[in-house]
Amino acid sequence: MMGLKNFLKKYPHIYSIPIGLILLVWFKLLEHYITTPANIIHVRLDDYIPFAPVFILPYIFWFFYIGIAMVYLFFHSKDDFLKLSAFLYIGMSICYTIYM
């Protein structure tokens, strides 16, 4: 148990992670309960953007990039980890509130 105490002492910013877990649960609840779109988020400019299947790969890799950045910053830069977490958590909260 002493190892866990030392880990928590060395990385106290781990206590910000449950906020991300709460946001993931919030997203799953929204995904489950919002079954029909009330408002489609679409503008005329969207019709002029061509769809290229090759751009699916950067979209998928973006999620890995964010995850790797979170893990790296967690262990190497507490301040940057907290800034990135705050940016993501605030952005997700605003987005989910709009969805609701």
PDB file of N, CA and C in Angstrom:
ATOM      1  N   MET A   1       0.817  -1.196   0.000  1.00  0.00           N
ATOM      2  CA  MET A   1       0.000   0.000   0.000  1.00  0.00           C
ATOM      3  C   MET A   1       0.856   1.252   0.000  1.00  0.00           C
ATOM      4  N   MET A   2       2.072   1.118   0.453  1.00  0.00           N
ATOM      5  CA  MET A   2       2.951   2.273   0.487  1.00  0.00           C
ATOM      6  C   MET A   2       3.248   2.774  -0.922  1.00  0.00           C
ATOM      7  N   GLY A   3       3.291   1.855  -1.908  1.00  0.00           N
ATOM      8  CA  GLY A   3       3.529   2.256  -3.280  1.00  0.00           C
ATOM      9  C   GLY A   3       2.429   3.163  -3.797  1.00  0.00           C
ATOM     10  N   LEU A   4       1.182   2.852  -3.445  1.00  0.00           N
ATOM     11  CA  LEU A   4       0.057   3.678  -3.876  1.00  0.00           C
ATOM     12  C   LEU A   4       0.130   5.064  -3.246  1.00  0.00           C
ATOM     13  N   LYS A   5       0.495   5.131  -1.971  1.00  0.00           N
ATOM     14  CA  LYS A   5       0.620   6.431  -1.304  1.00  0.00           C
ATOM     15  C   LYS A   5       1.701   7.284  -1.964  1.00  0.00           C
ATOM     16  N   ASN A   6       2.818   6.657  -2.300  1.00  0.00           N
ATOM     17  CA  ASN A   6       3.896   7.399  -2.969  1.00  0.00           C
ATOM     18  C   ASN A   6       3.466   7.867  -4.348  1.00  0.00           C
ATOM     19  N   PHE A   7       2.726   7.016  -5.059  1.00  0.00           N
ATOM     20  CA  PHE A   7       2.237   7.391  -6.386  1.00  0.00           C
ATOM     21  C   PHE A   7       1.299   8.587  -6.291  1.00  0.00           C
ATOM     22  N   LEU A   8       0.363   8.545  -5.347  1.00  0.00           N
ATOM     23  CA  LEU A   8      -0.588   9.649  -5.173  1.00  0.00           C
ATOM     24  C   LEU A   8       0.122  10.923  -4.726  1.00  0.00           C
ATOM     25  N   LYS A   9       1.187  10.755  -3.962  1.00  0.00           N
ATOM     26  CA  LYS A   9       1.954  11.914  -3.506  1.00  0.00           C
ATOM     27  C   LYS A   9       2.742  12.534  -4.664  1.00  0.00           C
ATOM     28  N   LYS A  10       3.278  11.665  -5.535  1.00  0.00           N
ATOM     29  CA  LYS A  10       4.072  12.141  -6.660  1.00  0.00           C
ATOM     30  C   LYS A  10       3.187  12.715  -7.773  1.00  0.00           C
ATOM     31  N   TYR A  11       1.990  12.146  -7.942  1.00  0.00           N
ATOM     32  CA  TYR A  11       1.086  12.563  -9.017  1.00  0.00           C
ATOM     33  C   TYR A  11      -0.283  12.948  -8.446  1.00  0.00           C
ATOM     34  N   PRO A  12      -0.360  14.054  -7.718  1.00  0.00           N
ATOM     35  CA  PRO A  12      -1.653  14.433  -7.133  1.00  0.00           C
ATOM     36  C   PRO A  12      -2.690  14.863  -8.175  1.00  0.00           C
ATOM     37  N   HIS A  13      -2.243  15.160  -9.380  1.00  0.00           N
ATOM     38  CA  HIS A  13      -3.178  15.572 -10.426  1.00  0.00           C
ATOM     39  C   HIS A  13      -4.008  14.401 -10.958  1.00  0.00           C
ATOM     40  N   ILE A  14      -3.777  13.212 -10.442  1.00  0.00           N
ATOM     41  CA  ILE A  14      -4.587  12.057 -10.836  1.00  0.00           C
ATOM     42  C   ILE A  14      -6.042  12.252 -10.420  1.00  0.00           C
ATOM     43  N   TYR A  15      -6.267  13.123  -9.459  1.00  0.00           N
ATOM     44  CA  TYR A  15      -7.632  13.351  -8.978  1.00  0.00           C
ATOM     45  C   TYR A  15      -8.495  14.113  -9.991  1.00  0.00           C
ATOM     46  N   SER A  16      -7.893  14.588 -11.079  1.00  0.00           N
ATOM     47  CA  SER A  16      -8.693  15.223 -12.129  1.00  0.00           C
ATOM     48  C   SER A  16      -9.257  14.193 -13.103  1.00  0.00           C
ATOM     49  N   ILE A  17      -8.765  12.981 -13.079  1.00  0.00           N
ATOM     50  CA  ILE A  17      -9.211  11.951 -14.019  1.00  0.00           C
ATOM     51  C   ILE A  17     -10.674  11.554 -13.815  1.00  0.00           C
ATOM     52  N   PRO A  18     -11.190  11.448 -12.586  1.00  0.00           N
ATOM     53  CA  PRO A  18     -12.613  11.102 -12.450  1.00  0.00           C
ATOM     54  C   PRO A  18     -13.564  12.068 -13.155  1.00  0.00           C
ATOM     55  N   ILE A  19     -13.158  13.311 -13.349  1.00  0.00           N
ATOM     56  CA  ILE A  19     -13.993  14.253 -14.092  1.00  0.00           C
ATOM     57  C   ILE A  19     -14.171  13.747 -15.520  1.00  0.00           C
ATOM     58  N   GLY A  20     -13.095  13.263 -16.118  1.00  0.00           N
ATOM     59  CA  GLY A  20     -13.170  12.700 -17.460  1.00  0.00           C
ATOM     60  C   GLY A  20     -14.064  11.476 -17.513  1.00  0.00           C
ATOM     61  N   LEU A  21     -14.014  10.654 -16.477  1.00  0.00           N
ATOM     62  CA  LEU A  21     -14.882   9.473 -16.432  1.00  0.00           C
ATOM     63  C   LEU A  21     -16.347   9.870 -16.321  1.00  0.00           C
ATOM     64  N   ILE A  22     -16.623  10.904 -15.548  1.00  0.00           N
ATOM     65  CA  ILE A  22     -17.998  11.413 -15.432  1.00  0.00           C
ATOM     66  C   ILE A  22     -18.474  11.922 -16.791  1.00  0.00           C
ATOM     67  N   LEU A  23     -17.593  12.602 -17.515  1.00  0.00           N
ATOM     68  CA  LEU A  23     -17.960  13.101 -18.840  1.00  0.00           C
ATOM     69  C   LEU A  23     -18.227  11.957 -19.815  1.00  0.00           C
ATOM     70  N   LEU A  24     -17.478  10.877 -19.704  1.00  0.00           N
ATOM     71  CA  LEU A  24     -17.738   9.718 -20.562  1.00  0.00           C
ATOM     72  C   LEU A  24     -19.094   9.091 -20.258  1.00  0.00           C
ATOM     73  N   VAL A  25     -19.452   9.022 -18.980  1.00  0.00           N
ATOM     74  CA  VAL A  25     -20.771   8.509 -18.601  1.00  0.00           C
ATOM     75  C   VAL A  25     -21.857   9.447 -19.118  1.00  0.00           C
ATOM     76  N   TRP A  26     -21.636  10.746 -19.005  1.00  0.00           N
ATOM     77  CA  TRP A  26     -22.587  11.734 -19.504  1.00  0.00           C
ATOM     78  C   TRP A  26     -22.808  11.531 -21.008  1.00  0.00           C
ATOM     79  N   PHE A  27     -21.710  11.324 -21.746  1.00  0.00           N
ATOM     80  CA  PHE A  27     -21.828  11.099 -23.184  1.00  0.00           C
ATOM     81  C   PHE A  27     -22.647   9.839 -23.479  1.00  0.00           C
ATOM     82  N   LYS A  28     -22.381   8.764 -22.760  1.00  0.00           N
ATOM     83  CA  LYS A  28     -23.127   7.521 -22.987  1.00  0.00           C
ATOM     84  C   LYS A  28     -24.610   7.715 -22.683  1.00  0.00           C
ATOM     85  N   LEU A  29     -24.929   8.465 -21.649  1.00  0.00           N
ATOM     86  CA  LEU A  29     -26.332   8.734 -21.331  1.00  0.00           C
ATOM     87  C   LEU A  29     -26.996   9.561 -22.429  1.00  0.00           C
ATOM     88  N   LEU A  30     -26.298  10.564 -22.926  1.00  0.00           N
ATOM     89  CA  LEU A  30     -26.838  11.363 -24.029  1.00  0.00           C
ATOM     90  C   LEU A  30     -27.044  10.496 -25.269  1.00  0.00           C
ATOM     91  N   GLU A  31     -26.081   9.645 -25.545  1.00  0.00           N
ATOM     92  CA  GLU A  31     -26.171   8.775 -26.706  1.00  0.00           C
ATOM     93  C   GLU A  31     -27.352   7.804 -26.589  1.00  0.00           C
ATOM     94  N   HIS A  32     -27.640   7.392 -25.366  1.00  0.00           N
ATOM     95  CA  HIS A  32     -28.730   6.445 -25.133  1.00  0.00           C
ATOM     96  C   HIS A  32     -30.103   7.124 -25.174  1.00  0.00           C
ATOM     97  N   TYR A  33     -30.224   8.290 -24.561  1.00  0.00           N
ATOM     98  CA  TYR A  33     -31.530   8.922 -24.403  1.00  0.00           C
ATOM     99  C   TYR A  33     -31.914   9.872 -25.534  1.00  0.00           C
ATOM    100  N   ILE A  34     -30.954  10.406 -26.252  1.00  0.00           N
ATOM    101  CA  ILE A  34     -31.285  11.276 -27.379  1.00  0.00           C
ATOM    102  C   ILE A  34     -31.260  10.400 -28.628  1.00  0.00           C
ATOM    103  N   THR A  35     -32.449   9.948 -29.022  1.00  0.00           N
ATOM    104  CA  THR A  35     -32.522   8.999 -30.130  1.00  0.00           C
ATOM    105  C   THR A  35     -32.897   9.664 -31.448  1.00  0.00           C
ATOM    106  N   THR A  36     -33.625  10.751 -31.398  1.00  0.00           N
ATOM    107  CA  THR A  36     -33.972  11.460 -32.628  1.00  0.00           C
ATOM    108  C   THR A  36     -33.353  12.848 -32.569  1.00  0.00           C
ATOM    109  N   PRO A  37     -32.757  13.286 -33.665  1.00  0.00           N
ATOM    110  CA  PRO A  37     -32.139  14.619 -33.625  1.00  0.00           C
ATOM    111  C   PRO A  37     -33.187  15.724 -33.550  1.00  0.00           C
ATOM    112  N   ALA A  38     -33.101  16.531 -32.522  1.00  0.00           N
ATOM    113  CA  ALA A  38     -34.014  17.666 -32.380  1.00  0.00           C
ATOM    114  C   ALA A  38     -33.583  18.778 -33.321  1.00  0.00           C
ATOM    115  N   ASN A  39     -32.306  19.028 -33.374  1.00  0.00           N
ATOM    116  CA  ASN A  39     -31.750  20.049 -34.262  1.00  0.00           C
ATOM    117  C   ASN A  39     -30.529  19.462 -34.949  1.00  0.00           C
ATOM    118  N   ILE A  40     -30.533  19.494 -36.248  1.00  0.00           N
ATOM    119  CA  ILE A  40     -29.369  19.020 -36.985  1.00  0.00           C
ATOM    120  C   ILE A  40     -28.391  20.182 -37.085  1.00  0.00           C
ATOM    121  N   ILE A  41     -27.174  19.936 -36.643  1.00  0.00           N
ATOM    122  CA  ILE A  41     -26.148  20.979 -36.692  1.00  0.00           C
ATOM    123  C   ILE A  41     -25.538  20.932 -38.093  1.00  0.00           C
ATOM    124  N   HIS A  42     -25.994  21.835 -38.952  1.00  0.00           N
ATOM    125  CA  HIS A  42     -25.598  21.832 -40.351  1.00  0.00           C
ATOM    126  C   HIS A  42     -25.723  23.247 -40.905  1.00  0.00           C
ATOM    127  N   VAL A  43     -24.743  23.640 -41.680  1.00  0.00           N
ATOM    128  CA  VAL A  43     -24.812  24.914 -42.383  1.00  0.00           C
ATOM    129  C   VAL A  43     -24.574  24.657 -43.866  1.00  0.00           C
ATOM    130  N   ARG A  44     -24.954  25.604 -44.698  1.00  0.00           N
ATOM    131  CA  ARG A  44     -24.836  25.433 -46.152  1.00  0.00           C
ATOM    132  C   ARG A  44     -23.386  25.181 -46.573  1.00  0.00           C
ATOM    133  N   LEU A  45     -22.446  25.770 -45.861  1.00  0.00           N
ATOM    134  CA  LEU A  45     -21.026  25.569 -46.174  1.00  0.00           C
ATOM    135  C   LEU A  45     -20.644  24.087 -46.114  1.00  0.00           C
ATOM    136  N   ASP A  46     -21.291  23.319 -45.238  1.00  0.00           N
ATOM    137  CA  ASP A  46     -21.003  21.891 -45.133  1.00  0.00           C
ATOM    138  C   ASP A  46     -21.222  21.155 -46.448  1.00  0.00           C
ATOM    139  N   ASP A  47     -22.156  21.611 -47.256  1.00  0.00           N
ATOM    140  CA  ASP A  47     -22.450  20.954 -48.526  1.00  0.00           C
ATOM    141  C   ASP A  47     -21.312  21.098 -49.542  1.00  0.00           C
ATOM    142  N   TYR A  48     -20.462  22.084 -49.369  1.00  0.00           N
ATOM    143  CA  TYR A  48     -19.356  22.315 -50.295  1.00  0.00           C
ATOM    144  C   TYR A  48     -18.079  21.582 -49.899  1.00  0.00           C
ATOM    145  N   ILE A  49     -18.066  20.948 -48.758  1.00  0.00           N
ATOM    146  CA  ILE A  49     -16.884  20.224 -48.305  1.00  0.00           C
ATOM    147  C   ILE A  49     -16.957  18.807 -48.859  1.00  0.00           C
ATOM    148  N   PRO A  50     -15.997  18.428 -49.700  1.00  0.00           N
ATOM    149  CA  PRO A  50     -16.060  17.084 -50.282  1.00  0.00           C
ATOM    150  C   PRO A  50     -15.710  16.015 -49.235  1.00  0.00           C
ATOM    151  N   PHE A  51     -16.304  14.849 -49.395  1.00  0.00           N
ATOM    152  CA  PHE A  51     -15.990  13.735 -48.509  1.00  0.00           C
ATOM    153  C   PHE A  51     -14.905  12.901 -49.155  1.00  0.00           C
ATOM    154  N   ALA A  52     -13.814  12.728 -48.454  1.00  0.00           N
ATOM    155  CA  ALA A  52     -12.717  11.885 -48.937  1.00  0.00           C
ATOM    156  C   ALA A  52     -12.472  10.801 -47.878  1.00  0.00           C
ATOM    157  N   PRO A  53     -12.708   9.550 -48.229  1.00  0.00           N
ATOM    158  CA  PRO A  53     -12.565   8.464 -47.246  1.00  0.00           C
ATOM    159  C   PRO A  53     -11.195   8.406 -46.576  1.00  0.00           C
ATOM    160  N   VAL A  54     -10.158   8.893 -47.257  1.00  0.00           N
ATOM    161  CA  VAL A  54      -8.816   8.839 -46.680  1.00  0.00           C
ATOM    162  C   VAL A  54      -8.722   9.679 -45.399  1.00  0.00           C
ATOM    163  N   PHE A  55      -9.596  10.670 -45.246  1.00  0.00           N
ATOM    164  CA  PHE A  55      -9.550  11.529 -44.065  1.00  0.00           C
ATOM    165  C   PHE A  55     -10.154  10.874 -42.822  1.00  0.00           C
ATOM    166  N   ILE A  56     -10.674   9.679 -42.981  1.00  0.00           N
ATOM    167  CA  ILE A  56     -11.154   8.936 -41.809  1.00  0.00           C
ATOM    168  C   ILE A  56      -9.971   8.543 -40.923  1.00  0.00           C
ATOM    169  N   LEU A  57      -8.843   8.222 -41.547  1.00  0.00           N
ATOM    170  CA  LEU A  57      -7.660   7.817 -40.779  1.00  0.00           C
ATOM    171  C   LEU A  57      -7.157   8.920 -39.848  1.00  0.00           C
ATOM    172  N   PRO A  58      -6.954  10.162 -40.321  1.00  0.00           N
ATOM    173  CA  PRO A  58      -6.542  11.206 -39.380  1.00  0.00           C
ATOM    174  C   PRO A  58      -7.562  11.422 -38.263  1.00  0.00           C
ATOM    175  N   TYR A  59      -8.831  11.274 -38.591  1.00  0.00           N
ATOM    176  CA  TYR A  59      -9.875  11.430 -37.578  1.00  0.00           C
ATOM    177  C   TYR A  59      -9.718  10.374 -36.483  1.00  0.00           C
ATOM    178  N   ILE A  60      -9.470   9.140 -36.872  1.00  0.00           N
ATOM    179  CA  ILE A  60      -9.286   8.062 -35.893  1.00  0.00           C
ATOM    180  C   ILE A  60      -7.992   8.264 -35.114  1.00  0.00           C
ATOM    181  N   PHE A  61      -6.915   8.621 -35.833  1.00  0.00           N
ATOM    182  CA  PHE A  61      -5.631   8.822 -35.157  1.00  0.00           C
ATOM    183  C   PHE A  61      -5.671   9.976 -34.174  1.00  0.00           C
ATOM    184  N   TRP A  62      -6.580  10.935 -34.370  1.00  0.00           N
ATOM    185  CA  TRP A  62      -6.714  12.062 -33.457  1.00  0.00           C
ATOM    186  C   TRP A  62      -7.009  11.571 -32.041  1.00  0.00           C
ATOM    187  N   PHE A  63      -7.854  10.559 -31.906  1.00  0.00           N
ATOM    188  CA  PHE A  63      -8.198  10.033 -30.587  1.00  0.00           C
ATOM    189  C   PHE A  63      -6.981   9.398 -29.907  1.00  0.00           C
ATOM    190  N   PHE A  64      -6.172   8.677 -30.689  1.00  0.00           N
ATOM    191  CA  PHE A  64      -4.949   8.100 -30.128  1.00  0.00           C
ATOM    192  C   PHE A  64      -3.973   9.208 -29.739  1.00  0.00           C
ATOM    193  N   TYR A  65      -3.869  10.226 -30.563  1.00  0.00           N
ATOM    194  CA  TYR A  65      -2.975  11.353 -30.294  1.00  0.00           C
ATOM    195  C   TYR A  65      -3.334  12.027 -28.966  1.00  0.00           C
ATOM    196  N   ILE A  66      -4.613  12.278 -28.755  1.00  0.00           N
ATOM    197  CA  ILE A  66      -5.046  12.909 -27.504  1.00  0.00           C
ATOM    198  C   ILE A  66      -4.757  11.996 -26.322  1.00  0.00           C
ATOM    199  N   GLY A  67      -5.052  10.714 -26.474  1.00  0.00           N
ATOM    200  CA  GLY A  67      -4.788   9.764 -25.385  1.00  0.00           C
ATOM    201  C   GLY A  67      -3.314   9.677 -25.040  1.00  0.00           C
ATOM    202  N   ILE A  68      -2.467   9.604 -26.059  1.00  0.00           N
ATOM    203  CA  ILE A  68      -1.017   9.541 -25.829  1.00  0.00           C
ATOM    204  C   ILE A  68      -0.521  10.838 -25.192  1.00  0.00           C
ATOM    205  N   ALA A  69      -1.041  11.972 -25.657  1.00  0.00           N
ATOM    206  CA  ALA A  69      -0.639  13.255 -25.073  1.00  0.00           C
ATOM    207  C   ALA A  69      -1.041  13.332 -23.604  1.00  0.00           C
ATOM    208  N   MET A  70      -2.236  12.841 -23.281  1.00  0.00           N
ATOM    209  CA  MET A  70      -2.686  12.863 -21.881  1.00  0.00           C
ATOM    210  C   MET A  70      -1.759  12.007 -21.001  1.00  0.00           C
ATOM    211  N   VAL A  71      -1.441  10.813 -21.467  1.00  0.00           N
ATOM    212  CA  VAL A  71      -0.574   9.916 -20.684  1.00  0.00           C
ATOM    213  C   VAL A  71       0.823  10.513 -20.544  1.00  0.00           C
ATOM    214  N   TYR A  72       1.374  11.022 -21.650  1.00  0.00           N
ATOM    215  CA  TYR A  72       2.714  11.603 -21.606  1.00  0.00           C
ATOM    216  C   TYR A  72       2.771  12.791 -20.643  1.00  0.00           C
ATOM    217  N   LEU A  73       1.820  13.705 -20.796  1.00  0.00           N
ATOM    218  CA  LEU A  73       1.833  14.894 -19.947  1.00  0.00           C
ATOM    219  C   LEU A  73       1.552  14.557 -18.491  1.00  0.00           C
ATOM    220  N   PHE A  74       0.770  13.515 -18.238  1.00  0.00           N
ATOM    221  CA  PHE A  74       0.499  13.112 -16.862  1.00  0.00           C
ATOM    222  C   PHE A  74       1.801  12.818 -16.132  1.00  0.00           C
ATOM    223  N   PHE A  75       2.709  12.127 -16.799  1.00  0.00           N
ATOM    224  CA  PHE A  75       3.958  11.723 -16.149  1.00  0.00           C
ATOM    225  C   PHE A  75       5.082  12.747 -16.277  1.00  0.00           C
ATOM    226  N   HIS A  76       4.986  13.680 -17.226  1.00  0.00           N
ATOM    227  CA  HIS A  76       6.111  14.582 -17.456  1.00  0.00           C
ATOM    228  C   HIS A  76       5.854  16.057 -17.166  1.00  0.00           C
ATOM    229  N   SER A  77       4.603  16.487 -17.162  1.00  0.00           N
ATOM    230  CA  SER A  77       4.332  17.904 -16.936  1.00  0.00           C
ATOM    231  C   SER A  77       2.950  18.076 -16.303  1.00  0.00           C
ATOM    232  N   LYS A  78       2.948  18.229 -15.010  1.00  0.00           N
ATOM    233  CA  LYS A  78       1.685  18.366 -14.280  1.00  0.00           C
ATOM    234  C   LYS A  78       0.873  19.559 -14.782  1.00  0.00           C
ATOM    235  N   ASP A  79       1.520  20.705 -14.934  1.00  0.00           N
ATOM    236  CA  ASP A  79       0.800  21.911 -15.351  1.00  0.00           C
ATOM    237  C   ASP A  79       0.185  21.758 -16.741  1.00  0.00           C
ATOM    238  N   ASP A  80       0.958  21.205 -17.670  1.00  0.00           N
ATOM    239  CA  ASP A  80       0.432  21.020 -19.023  1.00  0.00           C
ATOM    240  C   ASP A  80      -0.676  19.971 -19.046  1.00  0.00           C
ATOM    241  N   PHE A  81      -0.546  18.939 -18.222  1.00  0.00           N
ATOM    242  CA  PHE A  81      -1.604  17.934 -18.125  1.00  0.00           C
ATOM    243  C   PHE A  81      -2.898  18.574 -17.632  1.00  0.00           C
ATOM    244  N   LEU A  82      -2.792  19.399 -16.614  1.00  0.00           N
ATOM    245  CA  LEU A  82      -3.983  20.045 -16.075  1.00  0.00           C
ATOM    246  C   LEU A  82      -4.589  21.035 -17.067  1.00  0.00           C
ATOM    247  N   LYS A  83      -3.742  21.740 -17.829  1.00  0.00           N
ATOM    248  CA  LYS A  83      -4.254  22.660 -18.853  1.00  0.00           C
ATOM    249  C   LYS A  83      -4.981  21.884 -19.953  1.00  0.00           C
ATOM    250  N   LEU A  84      -4.368  20.793 -20.422  1.00  0.00           N
ATOM    251  CA  LEU A  84      -5.004  19.987 -21.459  1.00  0.00           C
ATOM    252  C   LEU A  84      -6.301  19.370 -20.956  1.00  0.00           C
ATOM    253  N   SER A  85      -6.281  18.878 -19.722  1.00  0.00           N
ATOM    254  CA  SER A  85      -7.494  18.295 -19.139  1.00  0.00           C
ATOM    255  C   SER A  85      -8.597  19.336 -19.035  1.00  0.00           C
ATOM    256  N   ALA A  86      -8.251  20.512 -18.561  1.00  0.00           N
ATOM    257  CA  ALA A  86      -9.254  21.575 -18.420  1.00  0.00           C
ATOM    258  C   ALA A  86      -9.824  21.944 -19.787  1.00  0.00           C
ATOM    259  N   PHE A  87      -8.968  22.072 -20.781  1.00  0.00           N
ATOM    260  CA  PHE A  87      -9.416  22.409 -22.132  1.00  0.00           C
ATOM    261  C   PHE A  87     -10.385  21.345 -22.650  1.00  0.00           C
ATOM    262  N   LEU A  88     -10.017  20.079 -22.508  1.00  0.00           N
ATOM    263  CA  LEU A  88     -10.877  18.996 -22.986  1.00  0.00           C
ATOM    264  C   LEU A  88     -12.177  18.918 -22.196  1.00  0.00           C
ATOM    265  N   TYR A  89     -12.078  18.985 -20.877  1.00  0.00           N
ATOM    266  CA  TYR A  89     -13.258  18.825 -20.026  1.00  0.00           C
ATOM    267  C   TYR A  89     -14.248  19.977 -20.217  1.00  0.00           C
ATOM    268  N   ILE A  90     -13.739  21.191 -20.326  1.00  0.00           N
ATOM    269  CA  ILE A  90     -14.630  22.338 -20.528  1.00  0.00           C
ATOM    270  C   ILE A  90     -15.280  22.258 -21.906  1.00  0.00           C
ATOM    271  N   GLY A  91     -14.490  21.926 -22.922  1.00  0.00           N
ATOM    272  CA  GLY A  91     -15.043  21.794 -24.263  1.00  0.00           C
ATOM    273  C   GLY A  91     -16.095  20.701 -24.345  1.00  0.00           C
ATOM    274  N   MET A  92     -15.832  19.561 -23.724  1.00  0.00           N
ATOM    275  CA  MET A  92     -16.800  18.470 -23.729  1.00  0.00           C
ATOM    276  C   MET A  92     -18.062  18.866 -22.973  1.00  0.00           C
ATOM    277  N   SER A  93     -17.914  19.543 -21.849  1.00  0.00           N
ATOM    278  CA  SER A  93     -19.083  19.959 -21.060  1.00  0.00           C
ATOM    279  C   SER A  93     -19.961  20.934 -21.837  1.00  0.00           C
ATOM    280  N   ILE A  94     -19.340  21.890 -22.512  1.00  0.00           N
ATOM    281  CA  ILE A  94     -20.112  22.843 -23.320  1.00  0.00           C
ATOM    282  C   ILE A  94     -20.838  22.106 -24.441  1.00  0.00           C
ATOM    283  N   CYS A  95     -20.145  21.221 -25.107  1.00  0.00           N
ATOM    284  CA  CYS A  95     -20.735  20.460 -26.205  1.00  0.00           C
ATOM    285  C   CYS A  95     -21.912  19.614 -25.711  1.00  0.00           C
ATOM    286  N   TYR A  96     -21.740  18.910 -24.618  1.00  0.00           N
ATOM    287  CA  TYR A  96     -22.821  18.048 -24.104  1.00  0.00           C
ATOM    288  C   TYR A  96     -24.006  18.872 -23.635  1.00  0.00           C
ATOM    289  N   THR A  97     -23.731  20.045 -23.086  1.00  0.00           N
ATOM    290  CA  THR A  97     -24.831  20.916 -22.670  1.00  0.00           C
ATOM    291  C   THR A  97     -25.642  21.366 -23.885  1.00  0.00           C
ATOM    292  N   ILE A  98     -24.947  21.699 -24.962  1.00  0.00           N
ATOM    293  CA  ILE A  98     -25.647  22.079 -26.194  1.00  0.00           C
ATOM    294  C   ILE A  98     -26.455  20.904 -26.720  1.00  0.00           C
ATOM    295  N   TYR A  99     -25.884  19.712 -26.670  1.00  0.00           N
ATOM    296  CA  TYR A  99     -26.610  18.529 -27.131  1.00  0.00           C
ATOM    297  C   TYR A  99     -27.881  18.304 -26.324  1.00  0.00           C
ATOM    298  N   MET A 100     -27.806  18.559 -25.037  1.00  0.00           N
ATOM    299  CA  MET A 100     -28.992  18.357 -24.191  1.00  0.00           C
ATOM    300  C   MET A 100     -30.069  19.356 -24.565  1.00  0.00           C
TER     301      MET A 100
END
